[in-house]
């Protein structure tokens, strides 16, 4: 998934999950994203909603690709 695909889905009722470490998340993340690190997936995967789409993101090119395309990031 590229940045344009991810941001195209942000306007609807979705949960966006950033699977990077908390330190990486703090350096810049998609608006509205929740940080659930991949390393602790066993602790949180059951909490994901079943009534709306969930996007676990690890965008091609990372946060740098998002910045290059001028999409907003939260820092």
N, C-alpha and C. Protein backbone atom coordinates (compact mmCIF):
# COMPACT_ATOMS: atom_id res chain seq x y z
N UNK A 1 0.85 -1.17 0.00
CA UNK A 1 0.00 0.00 0.00
C UNK A 1 0.90 1.23 0.00
N UNK A 2 0.62 2.14 -0.91
CA UNK A 2 1.35 3.39 -0.95
C UNK A 2 0.63 4.46 -0.16
N UNK A 3 1.28 5.60 0.05
CA UNK A 3 0.67 6.68 0.82
C UNK A 3 -0.69 7.13 0.27
N UNK A 4 -0.82 7.21 -1.06
CA UNK A 4 -2.07 7.68 -1.63
C UNK A 4 -3.23 6.74 -1.32
N UNK A 5 -2.96 5.43 -1.32
CA UNK A 5 -3.99 4.45 -0.99
C UNK A 5 -4.40 4.58 0.48
N UNK A 6 -3.43 4.70 1.35
CA UNK A 6 -3.73 4.81 2.77
C UNK A 6 -4.55 6.07 3.07
N UNK A 7 -4.10 7.20 2.59
CA UNK A 7 -4.79 8.47 2.88
C UNK A 7 -6.17 8.53 2.22
N UNK A 8 -6.36 7.82 1.14
CA UNK A 8 -7.68 7.78 0.50
C UNK A 8 -8.72 7.11 1.39
N UNK A 9 -8.28 6.24 2.29
CA UNK A 9 -9.20 5.52 3.17
C UNK A 9 -9.39 6.18 4.53
N UNK A 10 -8.67 7.24 4.82
CA UNK A 10 -8.75 7.86 6.13
C UNK A 10 -10.05 8.59 6.39
N UNK A 11 -10.77 8.98 5.38
CA UNK A 11 -11.98 9.77 5.57
C UNK A 11 -13.16 8.96 6.07
N UNK A 12 -13.12 7.66 5.95
CA UNK A 12 -14.24 6.83 6.38
C UNK A 12 -14.10 6.36 7.82
N UNK A 13 -15.00 5.49 8.22
CA UNK A 13 -14.95 4.89 9.55
C UNK A 13 -13.97 3.73 9.53
N UNK A 14 -12.72 4.02 9.81
CA UNK A 14 -11.68 3.00 9.82
C UNK A 14 -10.80 3.17 11.04
N UNK A 15 -10.14 2.12 11.42
CA UNK A 15 -9.11 2.19 12.44
C UNK A 15 -7.78 2.00 11.73
N UNK A 16 -6.90 2.97 11.90
CA UNK A 16 -5.57 2.88 11.30
C UNK A 16 -4.60 2.55 12.42
N UNK A 17 -3.87 1.45 12.25
CA UNK A 17 -2.93 0.98 13.25
C UNK A 17 -1.52 1.09 12.70
N UNK A 18 -0.69 1.82 13.42
CA UNK A 18 0.72 1.96 13.10
C UNK A 18 1.46 0.88 13.89
N UNK A 19 2.11 -0.05 13.20
CA UNK A 19 2.73 -1.20 13.85
C UNK A 19 4.20 -0.99 14.19
N UNK A 20 4.67 0.24 14.07
CA UNK A 20 6.08 0.52 14.39
C UNK A 20 6.26 0.67 15.91
N UNK A 21 7.49 0.85 16.33
CA UNK A 21 7.78 1.04 17.75
C UNK A 21 7.23 2.38 18.22
N UNK A 22 7.00 2.55 19.53
CA UNK A 22 6.53 3.83 20.03
C UNK A 22 7.45 5.00 19.67
N UNK A 23 8.76 4.77 19.65
CA UNK A 23 9.70 5.84 19.29
C UNK A 23 9.52 6.24 17.83
N UNK A 24 9.36 5.28 16.95
CA UNK A 24 9.13 5.59 15.53
C UNK A 24 7.80 6.29 15.34
N UNK A 25 6.78 5.85 16.05
CA UNK A 25 5.45 6.46 16.00
C UNK A 25 5.52 7.93 16.39
N UNK A 26 6.28 8.24 17.44
CA UNK A 26 6.42 9.61 17.92
C UNK A 26 7.12 10.51 16.91
N UNK A 27 7.93 9.95 16.05
CA UNK A 27 8.66 10.74 15.06
C UNK A 27 7.78 11.20 13.90
N UNK A 28 6.59 10.62 13.77
CA UNK A 28 5.66 11.02 12.73
C UNK A 28 4.75 9.87 12.36
N UNK A 29 3.43 10.15 12.41
CA UNK A 29 2.47 9.11 12.08
C UNK A 29 1.24 9.71 11.40
N UNK A 30 0.46 8.85 10.81
CA UNK A 30 -0.76 9.23 10.10
C UNK A 30 -1.76 9.80 11.11
N UNK A 31 -2.44 10.90 10.78
CA UNK A 31 -3.43 11.45 11.70
C UNK A 31 -4.50 10.42 12.08
N UNK A 32 -4.76 10.32 13.37
CA UNK A 32 -5.78 9.40 13.86
C UNK A 32 -5.30 7.97 14.08
N UNK A 33 -4.07 7.68 13.71
CA UNK A 33 -3.54 6.32 13.87
C UNK A 33 -3.32 5.98 15.33
N UNK A 34 -3.50 4.72 15.65
CA UNK A 34 -3.20 4.18 16.98
C UNK A 34 -1.91 3.39 16.87
N UNK A 35 -1.09 3.44 17.91
CA UNK A 35 0.18 2.72 17.89
C UNK A 35 0.04 1.40 18.64
N UNK A 36 0.07 0.31 17.88
CA UNK A 36 0.08 -1.03 18.43
C UNK A 36 1.30 -1.73 17.81
N UNK A 37 2.43 -1.73 18.50
CA UNK A 37 3.66 -2.29 17.93
C UNK A 37 3.53 -3.76 17.54
N UNK A 38 4.08 -4.07 16.40
CA UNK A 38 4.05 -5.43 15.89
C UNK A 38 4.69 -6.42 16.87
N UNK A 39 5.69 -5.97 17.61
CA UNK A 39 6.38 -6.86 18.55
C UNK A 39 5.45 -7.37 19.65
N UNK A 40 4.35 -6.65 19.91
CA UNK A 40 3.43 -7.07 20.97
C UNK A 40 2.06 -7.45 20.43
N UNK A 41 2.00 -7.93 19.20
CA UNK A 41 0.73 -8.24 18.54
C UNK A 41 -0.11 -9.24 19.35
N UNK A 42 0.53 -10.16 20.05
CA UNK A 42 -0.22 -11.13 20.85
C UNK A 42 -1.04 -10.45 21.94
N UNK A 43 -0.63 -9.28 22.38
CA UNK A 43 -1.32 -8.57 23.45
C UNK A 43 -2.50 -7.74 22.96
N UNK A 44 -2.52 -7.35 21.69
CA UNK A 44 -3.56 -6.42 21.24
C UNK A 44 -4.45 -6.89 20.10
N UNK A 45 -4.11 -7.92 19.39
CA UNK A 45 -4.87 -8.26 18.18
C UNK A 45 -6.34 -8.57 18.47
N UNK A 46 -6.64 -9.09 19.63
CA UNK A 46 -8.04 -9.41 19.96
C UNK A 46 -8.89 -8.16 20.20
N UNK A 47 -8.24 -7.03 20.47
CA UNK A 47 -8.95 -5.78 20.74
C UNK A 47 -9.40 -5.05 19.47
N UNK A 48 -8.95 -5.49 18.32
CA UNK A 48 -9.31 -4.81 17.08
C UNK A 48 -10.82 -4.93 16.83
N UNK A 49 -11.44 -3.84 16.37
CA UNK A 49 -12.89 -3.89 16.14
C UNK A 49 -13.25 -4.84 15.00
N UNK A 50 -14.41 -5.38 15.11
CA UNK A 50 -14.90 -6.29 14.07
C UNK A 50 -16.01 -5.63 13.24
N UNK A 51 -16.38 -4.41 13.62
CA UNK A 51 -17.49 -3.73 12.95
C UNK A 51 -17.05 -2.63 12.01
N UNK A 52 -15.73 -2.49 11.77
CA UNK A 52 -15.24 -1.51 10.81
C UNK A 52 -13.90 -1.96 10.26
N UNK A 53 -13.51 -1.42 9.11
CA UNK A 53 -12.23 -1.81 8.53
C UNK A 53 -11.06 -1.40 9.42
N UNK A 54 -10.04 -2.22 9.42
CA UNK A 54 -8.82 -1.95 10.17
C UNK A 54 -7.66 -2.00 9.18
N UNK A 55 -6.84 -0.95 9.19
CA UNK A 55 -5.67 -0.90 8.32
C UNK A 55 -4.43 -0.92 9.20
N UNK A 56 -3.64 -1.99 9.09
CA UNK A 56 -2.34 -2.06 9.73
C UNK A 56 -1.36 -1.52 8.71
N UNK A 57 -0.68 -0.44 9.06
CA UNK A 57 0.13 0.13 8.00
C UNK A 57 1.62 0.06 8.26
N UNK A 58 2.29 -0.23 7.17
CA UNK A 58 3.73 -0.18 7.04
C UNK A 58 3.92 0.24 5.59
N UNK A 59 3.67 1.50 5.31
CA UNK A 59 3.60 2.06 3.96
C UNK A 59 4.91 1.87 3.21
N UNK A 60 4.79 1.51 1.92
CA UNK A 60 5.98 1.41 1.06
C UNK A 60 6.72 2.74 1.10
N UNK A 61 7.99 2.69 1.42
CA UNK A 61 8.80 3.91 1.49
C UNK A 61 8.74 4.58 2.84
N UNK A 62 7.87 4.09 3.72
CA UNK A 62 7.78 4.60 5.09
C UNK A 62 7.30 6.04 5.18
N UNK A 63 7.58 6.62 6.32
CA UNK A 63 7.15 7.99 6.60
C UNK A 63 7.79 8.98 5.61
N UNK A 64 8.97 8.66 5.15
CA UNK A 64 9.63 9.55 4.17
C UNK A 64 8.81 9.64 2.89
N UNK A 65 8.22 8.54 2.45
CA UNK A 65 7.38 8.55 1.25
C UNK A 65 6.14 9.42 1.48
N UNK A 66 5.57 9.33 2.68
CA UNK A 66 4.41 10.16 3.02
C UNK A 66 4.80 11.64 2.99
N UNK A 67 5.94 11.97 3.59
CA UNK A 67 6.40 13.36 3.59
C UNK A 67 6.66 13.88 2.19
N UNK A 68 7.27 13.06 1.34
CA UNK A 68 7.58 13.49 -0.04
C UNK A 68 6.31 13.82 -0.81
N UNK A 69 5.20 13.16 -0.47
CA UNK A 69 3.95 13.40 -1.18
C UNK A 69 3.11 14.49 -0.50
N UNK A 70 3.68 15.13 0.53
CA UNK A 70 3.04 16.23 1.25
C UNK A 70 1.74 15.85 1.94
N UNK A 71 1.60 14.60 2.37
CA UNK A 71 0.47 14.21 3.18
C UNK A 71 0.78 14.61 4.63
N UNK A 72 -0.25 14.94 5.41
CA UNK A 72 0.00 15.39 6.78
C UNK A 72 0.46 14.25 7.67
N UNK A 73 1.32 14.59 8.61
CA UNK A 73 1.78 13.67 9.64
C UNK A 73 1.63 14.36 11.00
N UNK A 74 1.40 13.58 12.01
CA UNK A 74 1.35 14.09 13.38
C UNK A 74 2.69 13.81 14.01
N UNK A 75 3.22 14.81 14.68
CA UNK A 75 4.52 14.64 15.37
C UNK A 75 4.39 15.00 16.82
